[in-house]
Amino acid sequence: MLVSIVIPSHNEGSNITKTVKSIEENTDVPHEIIVVEDGSEFIDYDYARCPSVRLITTKRLGSSQAR
C-alpha cells in the first residue's frame, strides 16, 4: 500500500523542507509526498531533492484548488 501525503503551499519553502524531513524520519510505510506550490513568489527547492517528493507548481489559485 502506498500512502500519498499532499501538502499545499504558498511561500512556505523553509517550512515545507522541515515538514518533508519530519515525514521522512517518522514514516515507516511506502509513501509519496506531493507538494503543490500555489503561485509562490519564490520556491526553496531543497525539499524537492528527496526522491519521494513530487512537486506541482500552479498559478495562484487559492488553497482550496491547491488541495
Protein backbone atom coordinates (compact mmCIF):
# COMPACT_ATOMS: atom_id res chain seq x y z
CA MET A 1 0.00 0.00 0.00
CA LEU A 2 1.30 3.45 -0.94
CA VAL A 3 0.35 6.43 1.22
CA SER A 4 0.08 9.80 -0.54
CA ILE A 5 0.70 12.92 1.51
CA VAL A 6 -0.44 16.16 -0.15
CA ILE A 7 0.99 19.45 1.12
CA PRO A 8 -0.47 22.68 -0.32
CA SER A 9 1.97 25.60 -0.03
CA HIS A 10 2.22 29.30 -0.76
CA ASN A 11 5.54 30.96 0.13
CA GLU A 12 6.33 28.31 2.76
CA GLY A 13 9.54 26.80 1.35
CA SER A 14 11.53 26.55 4.59
CA ASN A 15 8.55 25.12 6.48
CA ILE A 16 7.97 22.56 3.73
CA THR A 17 11.60 21.46 3.99
CA LYS A 18 11.13 20.83 7.72
CA THR A 19 7.82 19.05 7.09
CA VAL A 20 9.28 16.74 4.45
CA LYS A 21 12.22 15.91 6.71
CA SER A 22 9.86 15.07 9.56
CA ILE A 23 7.70 12.86 7.33
CA GLU A 24 10.77 11.00 6.07
CA GLU A 25 12.05 10.41 9.59
CA ASN A 26 8.72 9.27 11.04
CA THR A 27 7.01 7.29 8.29
CA ASP A 28 7.62 3.56 8.00
CA VAL A 29 5.15 2.75 5.21
CA PRO A 30 5.82 3.31 1.50
CA HIS A 31 4.79 6.86 0.71
CA GLU A 32 4.92 9.71 -1.75
CA ILE A 33 4.86 13.38 -0.82
CA ILE A 34 3.09 15.68 -3.24
CA VAL A 35 3.87 19.36 -2.70
CA VAL A 36 1.57 21.79 -4.51
CA GLU A 37 3.28 25.19 -4.79
CA ASP A 38 0.37 27.58 -5.29
CA GLY A 39 1.90 30.57 -7.05
CA SER A 40 4.73 31.12 -4.61
CA GLU A 41 6.88 34.18 -5.29
CA PHE A 42 9.99 32.17 -4.53
CA ILE A 43 10.39 28.46 -4.18
CA ASP A 44 13.00 26.84 -1.96
CA TYR A 45 13.60 23.60 -3.83
CA ASP A 46 15.71 21.95 -1.09
CA TYR A 47 12.90 19.54 -0.25
CA ALA A 48 12.44 18.58 -3.91
CA ARG A 49 15.74 16.67 -3.81
CA CYS A 50 14.07 13.95 -1.76
CA PRO A 51 13.17 11.01 -4.04
CA SER A 52 9.71 10.61 -2.52
CA VAL A 53 8.71 14.23 -3.31
CA ARG A 54 6.71 15.17 -6.37
CA LEU A 55 6.45 18.92 -6.95
CA ILE A 56 3.48 20.50 -8.70
CA THR A 57 3.53 24.23 -9.41
CA THR A 58 0.43 26.25 -10.23
CA LYS A 59 -0.61 29.83 -10.72
CA ARG A 60 -2.10 31.37 -7.59
CA LEU A 61 -5.44 29.54 -7.47
CA GLY A 62 -6.08 29.58 -3.73
CA SER A 63 -5.81 26.96 -1.03
CA SER A 64 -8.95 25.04 -1.98
CA GLN A 65 -7.63 24.44 -5.51
CA ALA A 66 -4.16 23.54 -4.24
CA ARG A 67 -5.66 20.81 -2.07
